[in-house]
Protein backbone atom coordinates (compact mmCIF):
# COMPACT_ATOMS: atom_id res chain seq x y z
CA MET A 1 36.51 17.07 -73.53
CA SER A 2 37.54 14.69 -76.27
CA GLU A 3 33.91 13.57 -76.59
CA PHE A 4 32.85 17.14 -77.23
CA ARG A 5 35.64 17.61 -79.82
CA ASP A 6 34.51 14.46 -81.61
CA ALA A 7 30.90 15.60 -81.58
CA PHE A 8 31.95 19.00 -82.91
CA ARG A 9 33.92 17.45 -85.76
CA THR A 10 31.02 15.20 -86.65
CA ALA A 11 28.66 18.15 -86.59
CA ILE A 12 30.91 20.06 -89.00
CA SER A 13 31.04 16.98 -91.24
CA LEU A 14 27.23 16.78 -91.28
CA LEU A 15 27.03 20.42 -92.30
CA VAL A 16 29.73 20.28 -94.96
CA ASN A 17 28.32 17.10 -96.53
CA PHE A 18 24.72 18.31 -96.40
CA ASP A 19 23.60 15.24 -94.53
CA GLY A 20 20.21 14.07 -95.82
CA ASP A 21 18.50 13.76 -92.44
CA LEU A 22 19.89 17.13 -91.35
CA MET A 23 18.68 18.87 -94.49
CA ALA A 24 15.24 17.26 -94.18
CA ILE A 25 14.87 18.57 -90.63
CA VAL A 26 16.05 22.06 -91.63
CA GLY A 27 13.73 22.08 -94.66
CA LEU A 28 10.68 21.09 -92.59
CA SER A 29 11.58 23.73 -89.97
CA LEU A 30 11.77 26.47 -92.59
CA LEU A 31 8.57 25.28 -94.28
CA VAL A 32 6.60 25.33 -91.02
CA SER A 33 7.95 28.65 -89.71
CA LEU A 34 7.82 30.54 -93.03
CA SER A 35 4.24 29.32 -93.60
CA ALA A 36 3.21 30.37 -90.11
CA VAL A 37 4.86 33.80 -90.48
CA PHE A 38 3.21 34.35 -93.85
CA LEU A 39 -0.22 33.61 -92.43
CA ALA A 40 0.55 35.68 -89.32
CA ALA A 41 1.54 38.62 -91.53
CA MET A 42 -1.67 38.31 -93.54
CA VAL A 43 -3.64 38.64 -90.31
CA GLY A 44 -1.36 40.68 -88.05
CA LEU A 45 -0.50 43.53 -90.41
CA PRO A 46 -4.09 44.59 -91.23
CA LEU A 47 -5.23 43.86 -87.69
CA GLY A 48 -2.53 45.97 -86.12
CA ALA A 49 -3.11 48.76 -88.65
CA ALA A 50 -6.85 48.71 -88.01
CA VAL A 51 -6.35 48.96 -84.26
CA ALA A 52 -3.99 51.91 -84.80
CA ALA A 53 -5.97 53.86 -87.36
CA CYS A 54 -9.63 53.12 -86.59
CA ARG A 55 -11.81 54.11 -83.71
CA PHE A 56 -14.32 51.44 -82.71
CA PRO A 57 -15.95 50.05 -79.53
CA GLY A 58 -13.59 47.79 -77.65
CA ARG A 59 -10.52 49.15 -79.35
CA GLN A 60 -8.64 49.56 -76.07
CA ALA A 61 -9.57 46.03 -75.06
CA VAL A 62 -8.13 44.70 -78.33
CA ARG A 63 -4.92 46.59 -77.71
CA VAL A 64 -4.62 45.16 -74.23
CA LEU A 65 -5.36 41.68 -75.52
CA LEU A 66 -2.66 41.92 -78.22
CA ASN A 67 -0.10 43.06 -75.65
CA ALA A 68 -1.15 40.30 -73.24
CA LEU A 69 -0.83 37.64 -75.91
CA LEU A 70 2.78 38.61 -76.42
CA GLY A 71 3.60 36.98 -73.11
CA ILE A 72 1.45 33.87 -73.36
CA PRO A 73 3.48 30.67 -72.77
CA PRO A 74 3.90 28.65 -75.97
CA VAL A 75 2.86 25.45 -74.18
CA VAL A 76 -0.54 27.04 -73.49
CA ILE A 77 -0.97 27.70 -77.21
CA GLY A 78 0.11 24.15 -77.90
CA LEU A 79 -2.42 22.82 -75.41
CA ILE A 80 -5.20 24.90 -76.94
CA VAL A 81 -4.44 23.73 -80.46
CA TYR A 82 -4.09 20.14 -79.21
CA LEU A 83 -7.54 20.27 -77.62
CA LEU A 84 -9.03 21.73 -80.80
CA LEU A 85 -7.44 19.16 -83.08
CA SER A 86 -7.69 16.06 -80.92
CA ARG A 87 -10.27 13.39 -81.73
CA ALA A 88 -12.64 14.73 -79.07
CA GLY A 89 -12.12 18.35 -80.13
CA PRO A 90 -14.28 20.39 -82.48
CA LEU A 91 -11.74 20.05 -85.31
CA GLY A 92 -10.75 16.46 -84.66
CA ALA A 93 -12.47 15.17 -87.79
CA LEU A 94 -9.89 17.03 -89.93
CA GLY A 95 -7.15 14.69 -88.73
CA LEU A 96 -4.58 17.47 -88.41
CA LEU A 97 -3.06 16.54 -85.04
CA PHE A 98 0.58 15.42 -85.25
CA THR A 99 1.06 16.89 -88.71
CA PRO A 100 3.06 19.84 -89.98
CA THR A 101 -0.23 21.70 -90.46
CA ALA A 102 -0.93 21.54 -86.73
CA MET A 103 2.55 22.96 -86.08
CA ILE A 104 1.88 25.79 -88.56
CA ILE A 105 -1.37 26.60 -86.77
CA ALA A 106 0.37 26.71 -83.38
CA GLN A 107 3.18 28.95 -84.62
CA TRP A 108 0.68 31.14 -86.44
CA LEU A 109 -1.21 31.75 -83.19
CA LEU A 110 2.07 32.53 -81.45
CA VAL A 111 3.44 34.92 -84.09
CA THR A 112 0.29 36.84 -85.02
CA PRO A 113 0.14 38.88 -81.77
CA ILE A 114 3.79 39.87 -82.20
CA ILE A 115 3.32 41.16 -85.71
CA ALA A 116 0.00 42.81 -84.84
CA ALA A 117 1.38 44.59 -81.75
CA LEU A 118 4.46 45.87 -83.56
CA THR A 119 2.35 46.94 -86.54
CA GLN A 120 -0.05 48.78 -84.23
CA GLN A 121 2.78 50.85 -82.81
CA THR A 122 4.34 51.60 -86.22
CA VAL A 123 1.08 52.51 -87.90
CA SER A 124 -0.04 54.54 -84.90
CA ASP A 125 3.03 56.76 -85.23
CA LEU A 126 2.51 57.13 -88.98
CA HIS A 127 -1.20 57.90 -88.54
CA ASP A 128 -0.39 60.69 -86.09
CA GLU A 129 2.17 62.04 -88.55
CA TYR A 130 -0.12 61.98 -91.61
CA ALA A 131 -3.48 62.54 -89.88
CA GLU A 132 -3.91 66.13 -91.08
CA GLN A 133 -2.85 65.34 -94.64
CA LEU A 134 -5.22 62.36 -94.80
CA ARG A 135 -8.15 64.45 -93.55
CA SER A 136 -7.45 67.12 -96.09
CA LEU A 137 -7.64 64.50 -98.87
CA GLY A 138 -10.85 63.11 -97.40
CA VAL A 139 -9.29 59.70 -96.77
CA GLY A 140 -11.07 57.78 -94.04
CA SER A 141 -9.40 55.44 -91.52
CA LEU A 142 -10.12 52.24 -93.39
CA ARG A 143 -9.00 53.66 -96.72
CA ALA A 144 -5.82 54.94 -95.09
CA ILE A 145 -4.72 51.53 -93.88
CA PRO A 146 -3.10 50.34 -97.17
CA THR A 147 -1.28 53.66 -97.52
CA LEU A 148 0.00 53.58 -93.92
CA LEU A 149 1.14 49.97 -94.32
CA TRP A 150 3.02 50.90 -97.49
CA GLU A 151 4.65 53.92 -95.87
CA GLY A 152 5.78 51.83 -92.94
CA ARG A 153 6.86 48.80 -95.01
CA LEU A 154 10.50 48.77 -93.87
CA SER A 155 9.59 49.04 -90.18
CA LEU A 156 6.93 46.38 -90.65
CA LEU A 157 9.50 44.12 -92.28
CA ILE A 158 11.32 44.21 -88.97
CA ALA A 159 8.11 43.11 -87.23
CA VAL A 160 7.80 40.19 -89.63
CA MET A 161 11.41 39.17 -89.07
CA ALA A 162 10.81 39.31 -85.31
CA GLY A 163 7.92 36.95 -85.86
CA PHE A 164 10.11 34.58 -87.85
CA GLY A 165 12.74 34.55 -85.14
CA ARG A 166 10.03 33.65 -82.61
CA ALA A 167 8.63 30.92 -84.81
CA ILE A 168 11.89 29.19 -85.79
CA ALA A 169 13.00 29.01 -82.14
CA GLU A 170 9.71 27.51 -80.85
CA VAL A 171 9.86 24.18 -79.00
CA GLY A 172 6.99 23.61 -76.58
CA ALA A 173 3.96 24.19 -78.75
CA VAL A 174 5.28 22.23 -81.74
CA ILE A 175 6.19 19.24 -79.61
CA ILE A 176 2.66 19.13 -78.16
CA VAL A 177 0.82 19.36 -81.50
CA GLY A 178 3.44 17.76 -83.74
CA GLY A 179 4.50 14.86 -81.56
CA ASN A 180 8.16 15.11 -82.74
CA ILE A 181 7.67 12.23 -85.19
CA ASN A 182 10.77 11.29 -87.16
CA HIS A 183 10.59 12.36 -90.82
CA VAL A 184 7.13 13.76 -90.27
CA THR A 185 7.05 16.50 -87.64
CA ARG A 186 10.59 16.63 -86.29
CA VAL A 187 12.01 20.18 -86.63
CA MET A 188 15.29 21.68 -85.53
CA THR A 189 14.37 22.73 -82.00
CA THR A 190 12.57 19.50 -81.12
CA THR A 191 15.42 17.45 -82.60
CA ILE A 192 17.98 19.34 -80.53
CA ALA A 193 16.00 18.65 -77.38
CA LEU A 194 15.60 14.97 -78.22
CA GLU A 195 19.12 14.27 -79.44
CA THR A 196 20.70 16.07 -76.49
CA SER A 197 18.67 13.93 -74.10
CA LYS A 198 19.89 10.85 -75.97
CA GLY A 199 23.49 11.97 -75.89
CA ASN A 200 23.74 12.41 -79.68
CA LEU A 201 25.54 15.74 -79.47
CA ALA A 202 26.77 15.80 -83.07
CA LEU A 203 23.35 16.24 -84.69
CA ALA A 204 22.23 18.61 -81.90
CA LEU A 205 25.34 20.74 -82.42
CA ALA A 206 24.88 20.84 -86.21
CA LEU A 207 21.29 21.99 -85.86
CA GLY A 208 22.28 24.45 -83.13
CA MET A 209 24.82 26.04 -85.49
CA ILE A 210 22.17 26.41 -88.18
CA LEU A 211 19.74 27.98 -85.73
CA LEU A 212 22.48 30.36 -84.56
CA LEU A 213 23.28 31.35 -88.17
CA LEU A 214 19.60 31.94 -88.86
CA ALA A 215 19.30 34.10 -85.74
CA LEU A 216 22.36 36.14 -86.80
CA ALA A 217 21.04 36.53 -90.32
CA VAL A 218 17.61 37.69 -89.12
CA ASN A 219 19.14 40.16 -86.67
CA ALA A 220 21.56 41.47 -89.24
CA ALA A 221 18.72 41.97 -91.72
CA ALA A 222 16.70 43.75 -89.03
CA LEU A 223 19.61 46.09 -88.27
CA VAL A 224 20.05 46.92 -91.95
CA ALA A 225 16.32 47.59 -92.31
CA ARG A 226 16.37 49.77 -89.17
CA ASP A 227 19.30 51.77 -90.50
CA ILE A 228 17.46 52.34 -93.80
CA VAL A 229 14.36 53.47 -91.87
CA ASN A 230 16.41 55.87 -89.77
CA ARG A 231 18.06 57.37 -92.89
CA LEU A 232 14.74 57.82 -94.66
CA TYR A 233 12.67 59.03 -91.73
CA GLY A 234 15.19 60.02 -89.09
């Protein structure tokens, strides 16, 4: 029990003093996850909107695929990216394996289906609501996508925040493609796993507190956005 108390005090000290190693790990984690979520939003938002608003061959198959990808194990994504970026892989010449870029790619592949699937549901509801008005204005499905995305911006913000929560908490895929290299690819979740196995509970606790605060902040922001949506459209 005393060991845990000492570790907890040390963790608080690391946080209060903005320990350099701690801040570097947090900074890299945020850089990787925010970059991945930004890229995922650039792909997932228009993709989900297109699936919701447009009619094309294979549309149902795309919807099924998006929903299936929501449950894909992260380690499988990590393995796929590893095989692509390894020396023997098709993208091995780029030298991206065991770099933050490889971690961004893995998280991007994980987060994109989440944003796309949630966007598809939101835009589908909006498309049904505004279908008659859009037809009367002569607006086709493709031209309607920007309008529908704008109308659903607050709900879509929740989708993006859900993607960020998924990315920042990821462990398996980023270990595989990043290698958990100190001062290079070591992020919060991989550091917690490593330091806990080594018995260094202080650093693991400090990072765990930060992750918890981030999770609370994201969920609080999502609740606020949901309340705003309900007031505007409820």
